[in-house]
Amino acid sequence: PVRRAYAHAIAERYRFYSYGDACLFLPERRA
């Protein structure tokens, strides 16, 4: 999932690193 997310971010021209854009990882809630 991380590799897919980063490939998407690069294709969509997200800005990277300290002054860049953000990710929110939301796994499914635990049972």
PDB file of all heavy atoms in Angstrom:
ATOM      1  N   PRO A   1       0.805  -1.221   0.000  1.00  0.00           N
ATOM      2  CA  PRO A   1       0.000   0.000   0.000  1.00  0.00           C
ATOM      3  C   PRO A   1       0.840   1.275   0.000  1.00  0.00           C
ATOM      4  O   PRO A   1       0.480   2.257  -0.662  1.00  0.00           O
ATOM      5  CB  PRO A   1      -0.820  -0.124   1.289  1.00  0.00           C
ATOM      6  CG  PRO A   1      -0.941  -1.593   1.510  1.00  0.00           C
ATOM      7  CD  PRO A   1       0.380  -2.150   1.069  1.00  0.00           C
ATOM      8  N   VAL A   2       1.960   1.269   0.706  1.00  0.00           N
ATOM      9  CA  VAL A   2       2.821   2.443   0.718  1.00  0.00           C
ATOM     10  C   VAL A   2       3.426   2.675  -0.656  1.00  0.00           C
ATOM     11  O   VAL A   2       3.473   3.818  -1.156  1.00  0.00           O
ATOM     12  CB  VAL A   2       3.925   2.304   1.791  1.00  0.00           C
ATOM     13  CG1 VAL A   2       5.023   3.351   1.596  1.00  0.00           C
ATOM     14  CG2 VAL A   2       3.318   2.446   3.180  1.00  0.00           C
ATOM     15  N   ARG A   3       3.863   1.623  -1.311  1.00  0.00           N
ATOM     16  CA  ARG A   3       4.439   1.776  -2.650  1.00  0.00           C
ATOM     17  C   ARG A   3       3.387   2.308  -3.635  1.00  0.00           C
ATOM     18  O   ARG A   3       3.684   3.157  -4.480  1.00  0.00           O
ATOM     19  CB  ARG A   3       5.025   0.451  -3.128  1.00  0.00           C
ATOM     20  CG  ARG A   3       6.273   0.033  -2.342  1.00  0.00           C
ATOM     21  CD  ARG A   3       6.708  -1.378  -2.704  1.00  0.00           C
ATOM     22  NE  ARG A   3       7.263  -1.434  -4.042  1.00  0.00           N
ATOM     23  CZ  ARG A   3       8.557  -1.279  -4.321  1.00  0.00           C
ATOM     24  NH1 ARG A   3       9.422  -1.052  -3.349  1.00  0.00           N
ATOM     25  NH2 ARG A   3       8.995  -1.361  -5.558  1.00  0.00           N
ATOM     26  N   ARG A   4       2.152   1.817  -3.516  1.00  0.00           N
ATOM     27  CA  ARG A   4       1.093   2.338  -4.394  1.00  0.00           C
ATOM     28  C   ARG A   4       0.793   3.800  -4.081  1.00  0.00           C
ATOM     29  O   ARG A   4       0.572   4.611  -4.996  1.00  0.00           O
ATOM     30  CB  ARG A   4      -0.177   1.486  -4.245  1.00  0.00           C
ATOM     31  CG  ARG A   4      -0.059   0.092  -4.860  1.00  0.00           C
ATOM     32  CD  ARG A   4      -1.411  -0.581  -4.966  1.00  0.00           C
ATOM     33  NE  ARG A   4      -1.999  -0.898  -3.676  1.00  0.00           N
ATOM     34  CZ  ARG A   4      -1.789  -2.047  -3.016  1.00  0.00           C
ATOM     35  NH1 ARG A   4      -0.986  -2.972  -3.534  1.00  0.00           N
ATOM     36  NH2 ARG A   4      -2.386  -2.281  -1.865  1.00  0.00           N
ATOM     37  N   ALA A   5       0.784   4.144  -2.802  1.00  0.00           N
ATOM     38  CA  ALA A   5       0.509   5.528  -2.410  1.00  0.00           C
ATOM     39  C   ALA A   5       1.581   6.476  -2.940  1.00  0.00           C
ATOM     40  O   ALA A   5       1.275   7.560  -3.461  1.00  0.00           O
ATOM     41  CB  ALA A   5       0.409   5.629  -0.888  1.00  0.00           C
ATOM     42  N   TYR A   6       2.841   6.077  -2.838  1.00  0.00           N
ATOM     43  CA  TYR A   6       3.922   6.940  -3.293  1.00  0.00           C
ATOM     44  C   TYR A   6       3.931   7.054  -4.818  1.00  0.00           C
ATOM     45  O   TYR A   6       4.201   8.133  -5.372  1.00  0.00           O
ATOM     46  CB  TYR A   6       5.261   6.438  -2.760  1.00  0.00           C
ATOM     47  CG  TYR A   6       5.603   7.029  -1.406  1.00  0.00           C
ATOM     48  CD1 TYR A   6       4.723   6.893  -0.334  1.00  0.00           C
ATOM     49  CD2 TYR A   6       6.776   7.735  -1.198  1.00  0.00           C
ATOM     50  CE1 TYR A   6       5.011   7.439   0.904  1.00  0.00           C
ATOM     51  CE2 TYR A   6       7.076   8.291   0.038  1.00  0.00           C
ATOM     52  CZ  TYR A   6       6.197   8.133   1.091  1.00  0.00           C
ATOM     53  OH  TYR A   6       6.475   8.696   2.309  1.00  0.00           O
ATOM     54  N   ALA A   7       3.626   5.980  -5.513  1.00  0.00           N
ATOM     55  CA  ALA A   7       3.534   6.045  -6.977  1.00  0.00           C
ATOM     56  C   ALA A   7       2.422   7.005  -7.389  1.00  0.00           C
ATOM     57  O   ALA A   7       2.579   7.807  -8.337  1.00  0.00           O
ATOM     58  CB  ALA A   7       3.294   4.649  -7.553  1.00  0.00           C
ATOM     59  N   HIS A   8       1.294   6.947  -6.691  1.00  0.00           N
ATOM     60  CA  HIS A   8       0.184   7.859  -6.966  1.00  0.00           C
ATOM     61  C   HIS A   8       0.588   9.302  -6.682  1.00  0.00           C
ATOM     62  O   HIS A   8       0.295  10.209  -7.488  1.00  0.00           O
ATOM     63  CB  HIS A   8      -1.017   7.461  -6.099  1.00  0.00           C
ATOM     64  CG  HIS A   8      -2.180   8.399  -6.208  1.00  0.00           C
ATOM     65  ND1 HIS A   8      -3.155   8.268  -7.172  1.00  0.00           N
ATOM     66  CD2 HIS A   8      -2.527   9.492  -5.459  1.00  0.00           C
ATOM     67  CE1 HIS A   8      -4.052   9.230  -7.029  1.00  0.00           C
ATOM     68  NE2 HIS A   8      -3.694   9.982  -5.992  1.00  0.00           N
ATOM     69  N   ALA A   9       1.255   9.521  -5.544  1.00  0.00           N
ATOM     70  CA  ALA A   9       1.647  10.885  -5.170  1.00  0.00           C
ATOM     71  C   ALA A   9       2.611  11.483  -6.195  1.00  0.00           C
ATOM     72  O   ALA A   9       2.506  12.665  -6.549  1.00  0.00           O
ATOM     73  CB  ALA A   9       2.289  10.875  -3.787  1.00  0.00           C
ATOM     74  N   ILE A  10       3.525  10.685  -6.700  1.00  0.00           N
ATOM     75  CA  ILE A  10       4.472  11.180  -7.702  1.00  0.00           C
ATOM     76  C   ILE A  10       3.745  11.478  -9.009  1.00  0.00           C
ATOM     77  O   ILE A  10       3.954  12.530  -9.636  1.00  0.00           O
ATOM     78  CB  ILE A  10       5.610  10.167  -7.904  1.00  0.00           C
ATOM     79  CG1 ILE A  10       6.487  10.100  -6.643  1.00  0.00           C
ATOM     80  CG2 ILE A  10       6.459  10.535  -9.127  1.00  0.00           C
ATOM     81  CD1 ILE A  10       7.481   8.959  -6.643  1.00  0.00           C
ATOM     82  N   ALA A  11       2.843  10.595  -9.421  1.00  0.00           N
ATOM     83  CA  ALA A  11       2.095  10.799 -10.666  1.00  0.00           C
ATOM     84  C   ALA A  11       1.206  12.035 -10.584  1.00  0.00           C
ATOM     85  O   ALA A  11       1.023  12.753 -11.574  1.00  0.00           O
ATOM     86  CB  ALA A  11       1.255   9.560 -10.978  1.00  0.00           C
ATOM     87  N   GLU A  12       0.668  12.305  -9.384  1.00  0.00           N
ATOM     88  CA  GLU A  12      -0.235  13.442  -9.192  1.00  0.00           C
ATOM     89  C   GLU A  12       0.500  14.703  -8.750  1.00  0.00           C
ATOM     90  O   GLU A  12      -0.127  15.704  -8.406  1.00  0.00           O
ATOM     91  CB  GLU A  12      -1.316  13.082  -8.163  1.00  0.00           C
ATOM     92  CG  GLU A  12      -2.252  11.975  -8.614  1.00  0.00           C
ATOM     93  CD  GLU A  12      -3.044  12.376  -9.848  1.00  0.00           C
ATOM     94  OE1 GLU A  12      -3.493  13.547  -9.909  1.00  0.00           O
ATOM     95  OE2 GLU A  12      -3.200  11.525 -10.743  1.00  0.00           O
ATOM     96  N   ARG A  13       1.818  14.659  -8.740  1.00  0.00           N
ATOM     97  CA  ARG A  13       2.666  15.821  -8.467  1.00  0.00           C
ATOM     98  C   ARG A  13       2.490  16.376  -7.060  1.00  0.00           C
ATOM     99  O   ARG A  13       2.473  17.585  -6.832  1.00  0.00           O
ATOM    100  CB  ARG A  13       2.423  16.940  -9.499  1.00  0.00           C
ATOM    101  CG  ARG A  13       2.418  16.479 -10.943  1.00  0.00           C
ATOM    102  CD  ARG A  13       3.767  16.003 -11.400  1.00  0.00           C
ATOM    103  NE  ARG A  13       4.742  17.095 -11.539  1.00  0.00           N
ATOM    104  CZ  ARG A  13       6.006  16.929 -11.846  1.00  0.00           C
ATOM    105  NH1 ARG A  13       6.478  15.690 -12.050  1.00  0.00           N
ATOM    106  NH2 ARG A  13       6.814  17.953 -11.960  1.00  0.00           N
ATOM    107  N   TYR A  14       2.359  15.496  -6.099  1.00  0.00           N
ATOM    108  CA  TYR A  14       2.405  15.940  -4.704  1.00  0.00           C
ATOM    109  C   TYR A  14       3.798  16.497  -4.416  1.00  0.00           C
ATOM    110  O   TYR A  14       4.785  16.151  -5.067  1.00  0.00           O
ATOM    111  CB  TYR A  14       2.113  14.771  -3.766  1.00  0.00           C
ATOM    112  CG  TYR A  14       0.648  14.493  -3.514  1.00  0.00           C
ATOM    113  CD1 TYR A  14      -0.165  13.977  -4.523  1.00  0.00           C
ATOM    114  CD2 TYR A  14       0.081  14.736  -2.276  1.00  0.00           C
ATOM    115  CE1 TYR A  14      -1.503  13.712  -4.300  1.00  0.00           C
ATOM    116  CE2 TYR A  14      -1.265  14.476  -2.031  1.00  0.00           C
ATOM    117  CZ  TYR A  14      -2.053  13.962  -3.045  1.00  0.00           C
ATOM    118  OH  TYR A  14      -3.387  13.708  -2.819  1.00  0.00           O
ATOM    119  N   ARG A  15       3.885  17.349  -3.401  1.00  0.00           N
ATOM    120  CA  ARG A  15       5.154  17.944  -2.984  1.00  0.00           C
ATOM    121  C   ARG A  15       5.725  17.109  -1.837  1.00  0.00           C
ATOM    122  O   ARG A  15       5.003  16.759  -0.899  1.00  0.00           O
ATOM    123  CB  ARG A  15       4.938  19.403  -2.568  1.00  0.00           C
ATOM    124  CG  ARG A  15       4.320  20.232  -3.694  1.00  0.00           C
ATOM    125  CD  ARG A  15       3.765  21.551  -3.212  1.00  0.00           C
ATOM    126  NE  ARG A  15       4.819  22.510  -2.931  1.00  0.00           N
ATOM    127  CZ  ARG A  15       5.139  22.963  -1.713  1.00  0.00           C
ATOM    128  NH1 ARG A  15       4.476  22.512  -0.650  1.00  0.00           N
ATOM    129  NH2 ARG A  15       6.088  23.843  -1.556  1.00  0.00           N
ATOM    130  N   PHE A  16       7.025  16.839  -1.882  1.00  0.00           N
ATOM    131  CA  PHE A  16       7.632  15.881  -0.965  1.00  0.00           C
ATOM    132  C   PHE A  16       8.505  16.552   0.099  1.00  0.00           C
ATOM    133  O   PHE A  16       8.989  17.666  -0.055  1.00  0.00           O
ATOM    134  CB  PHE A  16       8.490  14.888  -1.754  1.00  0.00           C
ATOM    135  CG  PHE A  16       7.710  13.705  -2.279  1.00  0.00           C
ATOM    136  CD1 PHE A  16       6.669  13.889  -3.180  1.00  0.00           C
ATOM    137  CD2 PHE A  16       8.005  12.405  -1.861  1.00  0.00           C
ATOM    138  CE1 PHE A  16       5.954  12.808  -3.668  1.00  0.00           C
ATOM    139  CE2 PHE A  16       7.288  11.312  -2.346  1.00  0.00           C
ATOM    140  CZ  PHE A  16       6.260  11.524  -3.255  1.00  0.00           C
ATOM    141  N   TYR A  17       8.686  15.791   1.179  1.00  0.00           N
ATOM    142  CA  TYR A  17       9.644  16.045   2.263  1.00  0.00           C
ATOM    143  C   TYR A  17       9.158  17.145   3.221  1.00  0.00           C
ATOM    144  O   TYR A  17       7.964  17.396   3.323  1.00  0.00           O
ATOM    145  CB  TYR A  17      11.047  16.302   1.736  1.00  0.00           C
ATOM    146  CG  TYR A  17      11.595  15.198   0.848  1.00  0.00           C
ATOM    147  CD1 TYR A  17      12.649  15.444  -0.017  1.00  0.00           C
ATOM    148  CD2 TYR A  17      11.050  13.915   0.847  1.00  0.00           C
ATOM    149  CE1 TYR A  17      13.167  14.445  -0.836  1.00  0.00           C
ATOM    150  CE2 TYR A  17      11.561  12.913   0.029  1.00  0.00           C
ATOM    151  CZ  TYR A  17      12.618  13.183  -0.813  1.00  0.00           C
ATOM    152  OH  TYR A  17      13.129  12.196  -1.624  1.00  0.00           O
ATOM    153  N   SER A  18      10.065  17.782   3.933  1.00  0.00           N
ATOM    154  CA  SER A  18       9.721  18.571   5.121  1.00  0.00           C
ATOM    155  C   SER A  18       8.689  19.664   4.863  1.00  0.00           C
ATOM    156  O   SER A  18       7.784  19.881   5.667  1.00  0.00           O
ATOM    157  CB  SER A  18      10.985  19.204   5.708  1.00  0.00           C
ATOM    158  OG  SER A  18      11.856  18.222   6.200  1.00  0.00           O
ATOM    159  N   TYR A  19       8.834  20.396   3.771  1.00  0.00           N
ATOM    160  CA  TYR A  19       7.908  21.482   3.458  1.00  0.00           C
ATOM    161  C   TYR A  19       6.819  21.035   2.486  1.00  0.00           C
ATOM    162  O   TYR A  19       6.108  21.864   1.914  1.00  0.00           O
ATOM    163  CB  TYR A  19       8.665  22.664   2.860  1.00  0.00           C
ATOM    164  CG  TYR A  19       9.335  23.581   3.872  1.00  0.00           C
ATOM    165  CD1 TYR A  19      10.448  24.353   3.504  1.00  0.00           C
ATOM    166  CD2 TYR A  19       8.861  23.709   5.169  1.00  0.00           C
ATOM    167  CE1 TYR A  19      11.059  25.207   4.404  1.00  0.00           C
ATOM    168  CE2 TYR A  19       9.470  24.559   6.076  1.00  0.00           C
ATOM    169  CZ  TYR A  19      10.569  25.312   5.696  1.00  0.00           C
ATOM    170  OH  TYR A  19      11.167  26.172   6.598  1.00  0.00           O
ATOM    171  N   GLY A  20       6.661  19.738   2.297  1.00  0.00           N
ATOM    172  CA  GLY A  20       5.747  19.232   1.295  1.00  0.00           C
ATOM    173  C   GLY A  20       4.374  18.880   1.834  1.00  0.00           C
ATOM    174  O   GLY A  20       3.946  19.343   2.903  1.00  0.00           O
ATOM    175  N   ASP A  21       3.678  18.035   1.090  1.00  0.00           N
ATOM    176  CA  ASP A  21       2.314  17.630   1.411  1.00  0.00           C
ATOM    177  C   ASP A  21       2.314  16.480   2.417  1.00  0.00           C
ATOM    178  O   ASP A  21       3.365  16.084   2.917  1.00  0.00           O
ATOM    179  CB  ASP A  21       1.585  17.240   0.122  1.00  0.00           C
ATOM    180  CG  ASP A  21       1.431  18.420  -0.834  1.00  0.00           C
ATOM    181  OD1 ASP A  21       1.091  19.520  -0.357  1.00  0.00           O
ATOM    182  OD2 ASP A  21       1.662  18.242  -2.052  1.00  0.00           O
ATOM    183  N   ALA A  22       1.125  15.946   2.705  1.00  0.00           N
ATOM    184  CA  ALA A  22       0.998  14.973   3.790  1.00  0.00           C
ATOM    185  C   ALA A  22       0.220  13.740   3.358  1.00  0.00           C
ATOM    186  O   ALA A  22      -0.503  13.754   2.358  1.00  0.00           O
ATOM    187  CB  ALA A  22       0.309  15.616   4.994  1.00  0.00           C
ATOM    188  N   CYS A  23       0.389  12.682   4.160  1.00  0.00           N
ATOM    189  CA  CYS A  23      -0.370  11.431   4.032  1.00  0.00           C
ATOM    190  C   CYS A  23      -1.117  11.190   5.342  1.00  0.00           C
ATOM    191  O   CYS A  23      -0.578  11.464   6.416  1.00  0.00           O
ATOM    192  CB  CYS A  23       0.566  10.246   3.825  1.00  0.00           C
ATOM    193  SG  CYS A  23       0.881   9.796   2.126  1.00  0.00           S
ATOM    194  N   LEU A  24      -2.307  10.647   5.238  1.00  0.00           N
ATOM    195  CA  LEU A  24      -3.028  10.180   6.422  1.00  0.00           C
ATOM    196  C   LEU A  24      -3.309   8.702   6.226  1.00  0.00           C
ATOM    197  O   LEU A  24      -4.077   8.311   5.333  1.00  0.00           O
ATOM    198  CB  LEU A  24      -4.337  10.948   6.611  1.00  0.00           C
ATOM    199  CG  LEU A  24      -5.219  10.481   7.772  1.00  0.00           C
ATOM    200  CD1 LEU A  24      -4.510  10.677   9.116  1.00  0.00           C
ATOM    201  CD2 LEU A  24      -6.564  11.204   7.760  1.00  0.00           C
ATOM    202  N   PHE A  25      -2.658   7.868   7.032  1.00  0.00           N
ATOM    203  CA  PHE A  25      -2.856   6.421   6.973  1.00  0.00           C
ATOM    204  C   PHE A  25      -3.960   6.033   7.950  1.00  0.00           C
ATOM    205  O   PHE A  25      -3.827   6.239   9.162  1.00  0.00           O
ATOM    206  CB  PHE A  25      -1.560   5.689   7.300  1.00  0.00           C
ATOM    207  CG  PHE A  25      -0.495   5.854   6.246  1.00  0.00           C
ATOM    208  CD1 PHE A  25       0.543   6.756   6.419  1.00  0.00           C
ATOM    209  CD2 PHE A  25      -0.538   5.117   5.073  1.00  0.00           C
ATOM    210  CE1 PHE A  25       1.516   6.917   5.452  1.00  0.00           C
ATOM    211  CE2 PHE A  25       0.426   5.268   4.095  1.00  0.00           C
ATOM    212  CZ  PHE A  25       1.461   6.172   4.277  1.00  0.00           C
ATOM    213  N   LEU A  26      -5.044   5.475   7.398  1.00  0.00           N
ATOM    214  CA  LEU A  26      -6.212   5.105   8.194  1.00  0.00           C
ATOM    215  C   LEU A  26      -6.512   3.616   8.019  1.00  0.00           C
ATOM    216  O   LEU A  26      -7.387   3.229   7.222  1.00  0.00           O
ATOM    217  CB  LEU A  26      -7.434   5.932   7.759  1.00  0.00           C
ATOM    218  CG  LEU A  26      -7.469   7.405   8.141  1.00  0.00           C
ATOM    219  CD1 LEU A  26      -8.717   8.070   7.546  1.00  0.00           C
ATOM    220  CD2 LEU A  26      -7.470   7.582   9.655  1.00  0.00           C
ATOM    221  N   PRO A  27      -5.820   2.757   8.743  1.00  0.00           N
ATOM    222  CA  PRO A  27      -6.155   1.329   8.686  1.00  0.00           C
ATOM    223  C   PRO A  27      -7.552   1.075   9.225  1.00  0.00           C
ATOM    224  O   PRO A  27      -8.149   1.927   9.903  1.00  0.00           O
ATOM    225  CB  PRO A  27      -5.098   0.683   9.594  1.00  0.00           C
ATOM    226  CG  PRO A  27      -4.023   1.714   9.754  1.00  0.00           C
ATOM    227  CD  PRO A  27      -4.698   3.032   9.648  1.00  0.00           C
ATOM    228  N   GLU A  28      -8.095  -0.084   8.889  1.00  0.00           N
ATOM    229  CA  GLU A  28      -9.404  -0.450   9.440  1.00  0.00           C
ATOM    230  C   GLU A  28      -9.346  -0.504  10.950  1.00  0.00           C
ATOM    231  O   GLU A  28      -8.329  -0.851  11.541  1.00  0.00           O
ATOM    232  CB  GLU A  28      -9.848  -1.807   8.886  1.00  0.00           C
ATOM    233  CG  GLU A  28     -10.185  -1.787   7.394  1.00  0.00           C
ATOM    234  CD  GLU A  28     -10.729  -3.124   6.941  1.00  0.00           C
ATOM    235  OE1 GLU A  28     -10.882  -4.035   7.795  1.00  0.00           O
ATOM    236  OE2 GLU A  28     -10.994  -3.262   5.733  1.00  0.00           O
ATOM    237  N   ARG A  29     -10.474  -0.148  11.557  1.00  0.00           N
ATOM    238  CA  ARG A  29     -10.520  -0.212  13.021  1.00  0.00           C
ATOM    239  C   ARG A  29     -10.339  -1.642  13.497  1.00  0.00           C
ATOM    240  O   ARG A  29     -10.798  -2.594  12.857  1.00  0.00           O
ATOM    241  CB  ARG A  29     -11.875   0.318  13.523  1.00  0.00           C
ATOM    242  CG  ARG A  29     -11.984   1.840  13.485  1.00  0.00           C
ATOM    243  CD  ARG A  29     -13.317   2.278  14.075  1.00  0.00           C
ATOM    244  NE  ARG A  29     -13.460   3.718  14.109  1.00  0.00           N
ATOM    245  CZ  ARG A  29     -13.080   4.468  15.121  1.00  0.00           C
ATOM    246  NH1 ARG A  29     -12.517   3.917  16.176  1.00  0.00           N
ATOM    247  NH2 ARG A  29     -13.260   5.770  15.097  1.00  0.00           N
ATOM    248  N   ARG A  30      -9.697  -1.752  14.655  1.00  0.00           N
ATOM    249  CA  ARG A  30      -9.526  -3.102  15.233  1.00  0.00           C
ATOM    250  C   ARG A  30     -10.844  -3.652  15.711  1.00  0.00           C
ATOM    251  O   ARG A  30     -11.726  -2.916  16.126  1.00  0.00           O
ATOM    252  CB  ARG A  30      -8.562  -3.034  16.421  1.00  0.00           C
ATOM    253  CG  ARG A  30      -7.227  -2.427  16.071  1.00  0.00           C
ATOM    254  CD  ARG A  30      -6.377  -2.392  17.302  1.00  0.00           C
ATOM    255  NE  ARG A  30      -5.467  -1.262  17.246  1.00  0.00           N
ATOM    256  CZ  ARG A  30      -4.419  -1.142  18.030  1.00  0.00           C
ATOM    257  NH1 ARG A  30      -4.151  -2.055  18.922  1.00  0.00           N
ATOM    258  NH2 ARG A  30      -3.638  -0.094  17.937  1.00  0.00           N
ATOM    259  N   ALA A  31     -10.957  -4.941  15.628  1.00  0.00           N
ATOM    260  CA  ALA A  31     -12.197  -5.585  16.095  1.00  0.00           C
ATOM    261  C   ALA A  31     -12.322  -5.467  17.599  1.00  0.00           C
ATOM    262  O   ALA A  31     -11.337  -5.464  18.314  1.00  0.00           O
ATOM    263  CB  ALA A  31     -12.183  -7.053  15.680  1.00  0.00           C
TER     264      ALA A  31
END
